[in-house]
Amino acid sequence: MKVYEKSSLKLVEEVGELSEVILKVQSLQQSGTIEEELYDVLYYLIAIANIYDIDLTASFHLQVKINITKYTT
């Protein structure tokens, strides 16, 4: 399995874990791990961006402009 495939799978895994933690916190079963899961999601997102040489800052600003046009008209 290639690095980008592993990173993509890990990102999906971490987003799933983040969702689970948020649901548990909402039901007052667990707290304190949302920050850890957000970090994991961010880590793998950045790893994938680095693999594909994507400037996340530029991508973010472009998407903000797109969303403003898309959702305010």
PDB file of N, CA and C in Angstrom:
ATOM      1  N   MET A   1       0.854  -1.182   0.000  1.00  0.00           N
ATOM      2  CA  MET A   1       0.000   0.000   0.000  1.00  0.00           C
ATOM      3  C   MET A   1       0.896   1.241   0.000  1.00  0.00           C
ATOM      4  N   LYS A   2       0.543   2.202  -0.823  1.00  0.00           N
ATOM      5  CA  LYS A   2       1.342   3.417  -0.950  1.00  0.00           C
ATOM      6  C   LYS A   2       1.062   4.385   0.191  1.00  0.00           C
ATOM      7  N   VAL A   3       1.983   5.316   0.387  1.00  0.00           N
ATOM      8  CA  VAL A   3       1.886   6.273   1.497  1.00  0.00           C
ATOM      9  C   VAL A   3       0.581   7.064   1.426  1.00  0.00           C
ATOM     10  N   TYR A   4       0.203   7.547   0.243  1.00  0.00           N
ATOM     11  CA  TYR A   4      -1.014   8.344   0.145  1.00  0.00           C
ATOM     12  C   TYR A   4      -2.253   7.517   0.447  1.00  0.00           C
ATOM     13  N   GLU A   5      -2.221   6.241   0.111  1.00  0.00           N
ATOM     14  CA  GLU A   5      -3.351   5.374   0.427  1.00  0.00           C
ATOM     15  C   GLU A   5      -3.469   5.172   1.943  1.00  0.00           C
ATOM     16  N   LYS A   6      -2.333   4.937   2.600  1.00  0.00           N
ATOM     17  CA  LYS A   6      -2.330   4.771   4.055  1.00  0.00           C
ATOM     18  C   LYS A   6      -2.812   6.048   4.745  1.00  0.00           C
ATOM     19  N   SER A   7      -2.342   7.196   4.271  1.00  0.00           N
ATOM     20  CA  SER A   7      -2.743   8.471   4.881  1.00  0.00           C
ATOM     21  C   SER A   7      -4.230   8.724   4.688  1.00  0.00           C
ATOM     22  N   SER A   8      -4.738   8.398   3.527  1.00  0.00           N
ATOM     23  CA  SER A   8      -6.169   8.587   3.264  1.00  0.00           C
ATOM     24  C   SER A   8      -7.009   7.708   4.179  1.00  0.00           C
ATOM     25  N   LEU A   9      -6.593   6.466   4.323  1.00  0.00           N
ATOM     26  CA  LEU A   9      -7.325   5.556   5.200  1.00  0.00           C
ATOM     27  C   LEU A   9      -7.254   6.007   6.659  1.00  0.00           C
ATOM     28  N   LYS A  10      -6.082   6.474   7.075  1.00  0.00           N
ATOM     29  CA  LYS A  10      -5.948   6.962   8.456  1.00  0.00           C
ATOM     30  C   LYS A  10      -6.821   8.186   8.685  1.00  0.00           C
ATOM     31  N   LEU A  11      -6.903   9.069   7.689  1.00  0.00           N
ATOM     32  CA  LEU A  11      -7.753  10.245   7.829  1.00  0.00           C
ATOM     33  C   LEU A  11      -9.199   9.821   8.042  1.00  0.00           C
ATOM     34  N   VAL A  12      -9.682   8.889   7.248  1.00  0.00           N
ATOM     35  CA  VAL A  12     -11.058   8.410   7.399  1.00  0.00           C
ATOM     36  C   VAL A  12     -11.248   7.775   8.774  1.00  0.00           C
ATOM     37  N   GLU A  13     -10.280   6.998   9.208  1.00  0.00           N
ATOM     38  CA  GLU A  13     -10.341   6.373  10.532  1.00  0.00           C
ATOM     39  C   GLU A  13     -10.427   7.426  11.633  1.00  0.00           C
ATOM     40  N   GLU A  14      -9.591   8.444  11.547  1.00  0.00           N
ATOM     41  CA  GLU A  14      -9.559   9.475  12.584  1.00  0.00           C
ATOM     42  C   GLU A  14     -10.841  10.309  12.588  1.00  0.00           C
ATOM     43  N   VAL A  15     -11.399  10.586  11.423  1.00  0.00           N
ATOM     44  CA  VAL A  15     -12.675  11.326  11.379  1.00  0.00           C
ATOM     45  C   VAL A  15     -13.764  10.482  12.042  1.00  0.00           C
ATOM     46  N   GLY A  16     -13.741   9.178  11.812  1.00  0.00           N
ATOM     47  CA  GLY A  16     -14.697   8.291  12.465  1.00  0.00           C
ATOM     48  C   GLY A  16     -14.532   8.309  13.979  1.00  0.00           C
ATOM     49  N   GLU A  17     -13.294   8.272  14.444  1.00  0.00           N
ATOM     50  CA  GLU A  17     -13.044   8.320  15.887  1.00  0.00           C
ATOM     51  C   GLU A  17     -13.484   9.662  16.468  1.00  0.00           C
ATOM     52  N   LEU A  18     -13.251  10.740  15.731  1.00  0.00           N
ATOM     53  CA  LEU A  18     -13.707  12.053  16.188  1.00  0.00           C
ATOM     54  C   LEU A  18     -15.228  12.065  16.327  1.00  0.00           C
ATOM     55  N   SER A  19     -15.913  11.518  15.363  1.00  0.00           N
ATOM     56  CA  SER A  19     -17.379  11.461  15.423  1.00  0.00           C
ATOM     57  C   SER A  19     -17.854  10.669  16.631  1.00  0.00           C
ATOM     58  N   GLU A  20     -17.199   9.550  16.890  1.00  0.00           N
ATOM     59  CA  GLU A  20     -17.564   8.727  18.045  1.00  0.00           C
ATOM     60  C   GLU A  20     -17.381   9.490  19.354  1.00  0.00           C
ATOM     61  N   VAL A  21     -16.263  10.190  19.486  1.00  0.00           N
ATOM     62  CA  VAL A  21     -15.984  10.939  20.712  1.00  0.00           C
ATOM     63  C   VAL A  21     -17.001  12.057  20.903  1.00  0.00           C
ATOM     64  N   ILE A  22     -17.322  12.764  19.825  1.00  0.00           N
ATOM     65  CA  ILE A  22     -18.309  13.849  19.921  1.00  0.00           C
ATOM     66  C   ILE A  22     -19.650  13.299  20.378  1.00  0.00           C
ATOM     67  N   LEU A  23     -20.067  12.178  19.835  1.00  0.00           N
ATOM     68  CA  LEU A  23     -21.341  11.575  20.240  1.00  0.00           C
ATOM     69  C   LEU A  23     -21.308  11.151  21.707  1.00  0.00           C
ATOM     70  N   LYS A  24     -20.186  10.615  22.159  1.00  0.00           N
ATOM     71  CA  LYS A  24     -20.061  10.210  23.560  1.00  0.00           C
ATOM     72  C   LYS A  24     -20.095  11.415  24.493  1.00  0.00           C
ATOM     73  N   VAL A  25     -19.420  12.492  24.094  1.00  0.00           N
ATOM     74  CA  VAL A  25     -19.422  13.702  24.919  1.00  0.00           C
ATOM     75  C   VAL A  25     -20.826  14.274  24.998  1.00  0.00           C
ATOM     76  N   GLN A  26     -21.535  14.258  23.883  1.00  0.00           N
ATOM     77  CA  GLN A  26     -22.903  14.782  23.876  1.00  0.00           C
ATOM     78  C   GLN A  26     -23.809  13.982  24.790  1.00  0.00           C
ATOM     79  N   SER A  27     -23.527  12.701  24.934  1.00  0.00           N
ATOM     80  CA  SER A  27     -24.345  11.883  25.822  1.00  0.00           C
ATOM     81  C   SER A  27     -23.731  11.789  27.218  1.00  0.00           C
ATOM     82  N   LEU A  28     -22.699  12.615  27.496  1.00  0.00           N
ATOM     83  CA  LEU A  28     -22.037  12.724  28.800  1.00  0.00           C
ATOM     84  C   LEU A  28     -21.358  11.441  29.248  1.00  0.00           C
ATOM     85  N   GLN A  29     -20.987  10.567  28.308  1.00  0.00           N
ATOM     86  CA  GLN A  29     -20.287   9.339  28.659  1.00  0.00           C
ATOM     87  C   GLN A  29     -18.782   9.533  28.752  1.00  0.00           C
ATOM     88  N   GLN A  30     -18.274  10.521  28.040  1.00  0.00           N
ATOM     89  CA  GLN A  30     -16.825  10.696  27.982  1.00  0.00           C
ATOM     90  C   GLN A  30     -16.528  12.145  27.628  1.00  0.00           C
ATOM     91  N   SER A  31     -15.421  12.651  28.108  1.00  0.00           N
ATOM     92  CA  SER A  31     -14.997  13.992  27.709  1.00  0.00           C
ATOM     93  C   SER A  31     -13.484  14.064  27.704  1.00  0.00           C
ATOM     94  N   GLY A  32     -12.945  15.106  27.067  1.00  0.00           N
ATOM     95  CA  GLY A  32     -11.516  15.336  27.107  1.00  0.00           C
ATOM     96  C   GLY A  32     -10.721  14.759  25.969  1.00  0.00           C
ATOM     97  N   THR A  33     -11.335  14.040  25.032  1.00  0.00           N
ATOM     98  CA  THR A  33     -10.560  13.457  23.952  1.00  0.00           C
ATOM     99  C   THR A  33     -10.879  14.079  22.597  1.00  0.00           C
ATOM    100  N   ILE A  34     -11.793  15.013  22.535  1.00  0.00           N
ATOM    101  CA  ILE A  34     -12.093  15.666  21.262  1.00  0.00           C
ATOM    102  C   ILE A  34     -10.850  16.366  20.733  1.00  0.00           C
ATOM    103  N   GLU A  35     -10.106  17.032  21.611  1.00  0.00           N
ATOM    104  CA  GLU A  35      -8.884  17.712  21.179  1.00  0.00           C
ATOM    105  C   GLU A  35      -7.894  16.733  20.557  1.00  0.00           C
ATOM    106  N   GLU A  36      -7.738  15.568  21.157  1.00  0.00           N
ATOM    107  CA  GLU A  36      -6.815  14.565  20.632  1.00  0.00           C
ATOM    108  C   GLU A  36      -7.256  14.091  19.255  1.00  0.00           C
ATOM    109  N   GLU A  37      -8.534  13.843  19.093  1.00  0.00           N
ATOM    110  CA  GLU A  37      -9.036  13.356  17.813  1.00  0.00           C
ATOM    111  C   GLU A  37      -8.960  14.444  16.746  1.00  0.00           C
ATOM    112  N   LEU A  38      -9.217  15.690  17.119  1.00  0.00           N
ATOM    113  CA  LEU A  38      -9.071  16.789  16.156  1.00  0.00           C
ATOM    114  C   LEU A  38      -7.623  16.894  15.693  1.00  0.00           C
ATOM    115  N   TYR A  39      -6.696  16.732  16.628  1.00  0.00           N
ATOM    116  CA  TYR A  39      -5.278  16.746  16.266  1.00  0.00           C
ATOM    117  C   TYR A  39      -4.976  15.644  15.255  1.00  0.00           C
ATOM    118  N   ASP A  40      -5.471  14.433  15.519  1.00  0.00           N
ATOM    119  CA  ASP A  40      -5.213  13.311  14.614  1.00  0.00           C
ATOM    120  C   ASP A  40      -5.763  13.583  13.216  1.00  0.00           C
ATOM    121  N   VAL A  41      -6.975  14.118  13.139  1.00  0.00           N
ATOM    122  CA  VAL A  41      -7.574  14.449  11.844  1.00  0.00           C
ATOM    123  C   VAL A  41      -6.717  15.482  11.126  1.00  0.00           C
ATOM    124  N   LEU A  42      -6.322  16.519  11.848  1.00  0.00           N
ATOM    125  CA  LEU A  42      -5.510  17.574  11.252  1.00  0.00           C
ATOM    126  C   LEU A  42      -4.161  17.028  10.776  1.00  0.00           C
ATOM    127  N   TYR A  43      -3.565  16.164  11.578  1.00  0.00           N
ATOM    128  CA  TYR A  43      -2.275  15.580  11.222  1.00  0.00           C
ATOM    129  C   TYR A  43      -2.345  14.860   9.880  1.00  0.00           C
ATOM    130  N   TYR A  44      -3.342  13.987   9.719  1.00  0.00           N
ATOM    131  CA  TYR A  44      -3.435  13.220   8.477  1.00  0.00           C
ATOM    132  C   TYR A  44      -3.897  14.070   7.298  1.00  0.00           C
ATOM    133  N   LEU A  45      -4.671  15.075   7.548  1.00  0.00           N
ATOM    134  CA  LEU A  45      -5.054  16.005   6.496  1.00  0.00           C
ATOM    135  C   LEU A  45      -3.810  16.727   5.964  1.00  0.00           C
ATOM    136  N   ILE A  46      -2.977  17.187   6.867  1.00  0.00           N
ATOM    137  CA  ILE A  46      -1.734  17.862   6.464  1.00  0.00           C
ATOM    138  C   ILE A  46      -0.792  16.878   5.766  1.00  0.00           C
ATOM    139  N   ALA A  47      -0.731  15.656   6.251  1.00  0.00           N
ATOM    140  CA  ALA A  47       0.131  14.649   5.623  1.00  0.00           C
ATOM    141  C   ALA A  47      -0.289  14.415   4.175  1.00  0.00           C
ATOM    142  N   ILE A  48      -1.575  14.295   3.931  1.00  0.00           N
ATOM    143  CA  ILE A  48      -2.065  14.091   2.567  1.00  0.00           C
ATOM    144  C   ILE A  48      -1.763  15.318   1.712  1.00  0.00           C
ATOM    145  N   ALA A  49      -1.975  16.502   2.243  1.00  0.00           N
ATOM    146  CA  ALA A  49      -1.669  17.731   1.500  1.00  0.00           C
ATOM    147  C   ALA A  49      -0.187  17.768   1.131  1.00  0.00           C
ATOM    148  N   ASN A  50       0.678  17.363   2.050  1.00  0.00           N
ATOM    149  CA  ASN A  50       2.118  17.354   1.770  1.00  0.00           C
ATOM    150  C   ASN A  50       2.485  16.335   0.686  1.00  0.00           C
ATOM    151  N   ILE A  51       1.842  15.189   0.702  1.00  0.00           N
ATOM    152  CA  ILE A  51       2.106  14.167  -0.314  1.00  0.00           C
ATOM    153  C   ILE A  51       1.807  14.716  -1.702  1.00  0.00           C
ATOM    154  N   TYR A  52       0.714  15.469  -1.817  1.00  0.00           N
ATOM    155  CA  TYR A  52       0.302  16.001  -3.119  1.00  0.00           C
ATOM    156  C   TYR A  52       0.793  17.434  -3.350  1.00  0.00           C
ATOM    157  N   ASP A  53       1.656  17.918  -2.476  1.00  0.00           N
ATOM    158  CA  ASP A  53       2.219  19.267  -2.590  1.00  0.00           C
ATOM    159  C   ASP A  53       1.120  20.324  -2.730  1.00  0.00           C
ATOM    160  N   ILE A  54       0.139  20.259  -1.835  1.00  0.00           N
ATOM    161  CA  ILE A  54      -0.995  21.187  -1.834  1.00  0.00           C
ATOM    162  C   ILE A  54      -0.770  22.238  -0.761  1.00  0.00           C
ATOM    163  N   ASP A  55      -0.933  23.485  -1.136  1.00  0.00           N
ATOM    164  CA  ASP A  55      -0.840  24.603  -0.203  1.00  0.00           C
ATOM    165  C   ASP A  55      -2.199  24.757   0.469  1.00  0.00           C
ATOM    166  N   LEU A  56      -2.313  24.273   1.707  1.00  0.00           N
ATOM    167  CA  LEU A  56      -3.602  24.293   2.391  1.00  0.00           C
ATOM    168  C   LEU A  56      -4.108  25.710   2.660  1.00  0.00           C
ATOM    169  N   THR A  57      -3.207  26.636   2.893  1.00  0.00           N
ATOM    170  CA  THR A  57      -3.626  28.019   3.131  1.00  0.00           C
ATOM    171  C   THR A  57      -4.287  28.591   1.878  1.00  0.00           C
ATOM    172  N   ALA A  58      -3.646  28.398   0.743  1.00  0.00           N
ATOM    173  CA  ALA A  58      -4.224  28.888  -0.516  1.00  0.00           C
ATOM    174  C   ALA A  58      -5.535  28.174  -0.826  1.00  0.00           C
ATOM    175  N   SER A  59      -5.577  26.870  -0.581  1.00  0.00           N
ATOM    176  CA  SER A  59      -6.800  26.100  -0.821  1.00  0.00           C
ATOM    177  C   SER A  59      -7.930  26.579   0.078  1.00  0.00           C
ATOM    178  N   PHE A  60      -7.599  26.873   1.318  1.00  0.00           N
ATOM    179  CA  PHE A  60      -8.600  27.363   2.267  1.00  0.00           C
ATOM    180  C   PHE A  60      -9.205  28.673   1.778  1.00  0.00           C
ATOM    181  N   HIS A  61      -8.352  29.627   1.399  1.00  0.00           N
ATOM    182  CA  HIS A  61      -8.841  30.932   0.948  1.00  0.00           C
ATOM    183  C   HIS A  61      -9.674  30.808  -0.323  1.00  0.00           C
ATOM    184  N   LEU A  62      -9.269  29.945  -1.233  1.00  0.00           N
ATOM    185  CA  LEU A  62     -10.046  29.715  -2.449  1.00  0.00           C
ATOM    186  C   LEU A  62     -11.417  29.132  -2.109  1.00  0.00           C
ATOM    187  N   GLN A  63     -11.445  28.165  -1.209  1.00  0.00           N
ATOM    188  CA  GLN A  63     -12.721  27.533  -0.850  1.00  0.00           C
ATOM    189  C   GLN A  63     -13.643  28.501  -0.123  1.00  0.00           C
ATOM    190  N   VAL A  64     -13.093  29.395   0.687  1.00  0.00           N
ATOM    191  CA  VAL A  64     -13.908  30.419   1.347  1.00  0.00           C
ATOM    192  C   VAL A  64     -14.604  31.278   0.300  1.00  0.00           C
ATOM    193  N   LYS A  65     -13.847  31.709  -0.715  1.00  0.00           N
ATOM    194  CA  LYS A  65     -14.444  32.504  -1.788  1.00  0.00           C
ATOM    195  C   LYS A  65     -15.533  31.738  -2.514  1.00  0.00           C
ATOM    196  N   ILE A  66     -15.291  30.481  -2.807  1.00  0.00           N
ATOM    197  CA  ILE A  66     -16.285  29.645  -3.478  1.00  0.00           C
ATOM    198  C   ILE A  66     -17.531  29.505  -2.617  1.00  0.00           C
ATOM    199  N   ASN A  67     -17.339  29.251  -1.332  1.00  0.00           N
ATOM    200  CA  ASN A  67     -18.487  29.058  -0.437  1.00  0.00           C
ATOM    201  C   ASN A  67     -19.300  30.343  -0.256  1.00  0.00           C
ATOM    202  N   ILE A  68     -18.622  31.478  -0.226  1.00  0.00           N
ATOM    203  CA  ILE A  68     -19.338  32.745  -0.113  1.00  0.00           C
ATOM    204  C   ILE A  68     -20.252  32.926  -1.317  1.00  0.00           C
ATOM    205  N   THR A  69     -19.718  32.674  -2.481  1.00  0.00           N
ATOM    206  CA  THR A  69     -20.523  32.796  -3.707  1.00  0.00           C
ATOM    207  C   THR A  69     -21.628  31.744  -3.721  1.00  0.00           C
ATOM    208  N   LYS A  70     -21.296  30.545  -3.351  1.00  0.00           N
ATOM    209  CA  LYS A  70     -22.230  29.421  -3.421  1.00  0.00           C
ATOM    210  C   LYS A  70     -23.390  29.566  -2.435  1.00  0.00           C
ATOM    211  N   TYR A  71     -23.117  30.049  -1.244  1.00  0.00           N
ATOM    212  CA  TYR A  71     -24.127  30.035  -0.191  1.00  0.00           C
ATOM    213  C   TYR A  71     -24.740  31.390   0.130  1.00  0.00           C
ATOM    214  N   THR A  72     -24.329  32.448  -0.540  1.00  0.00           N
ATOM    215  CA  THR A  72     -24.933  33.746  -0.269  1.00  0.00           C
ATOM    216  C   THR A  72     -25.721  34.291  -1.448  1.00  0.00           C
ATOM    217  N   THR A  73     -25.881  33.485  -2.468  1.00  0.00           N
ATOM    218  CA  THR A  73     -26.671  33.931  -3.629  1.00  0.00           C
ATOM    219  C   THR A  73     -28.008  33.264  -3.654  1.00  0.00           C
TER     220      THR A  73
END
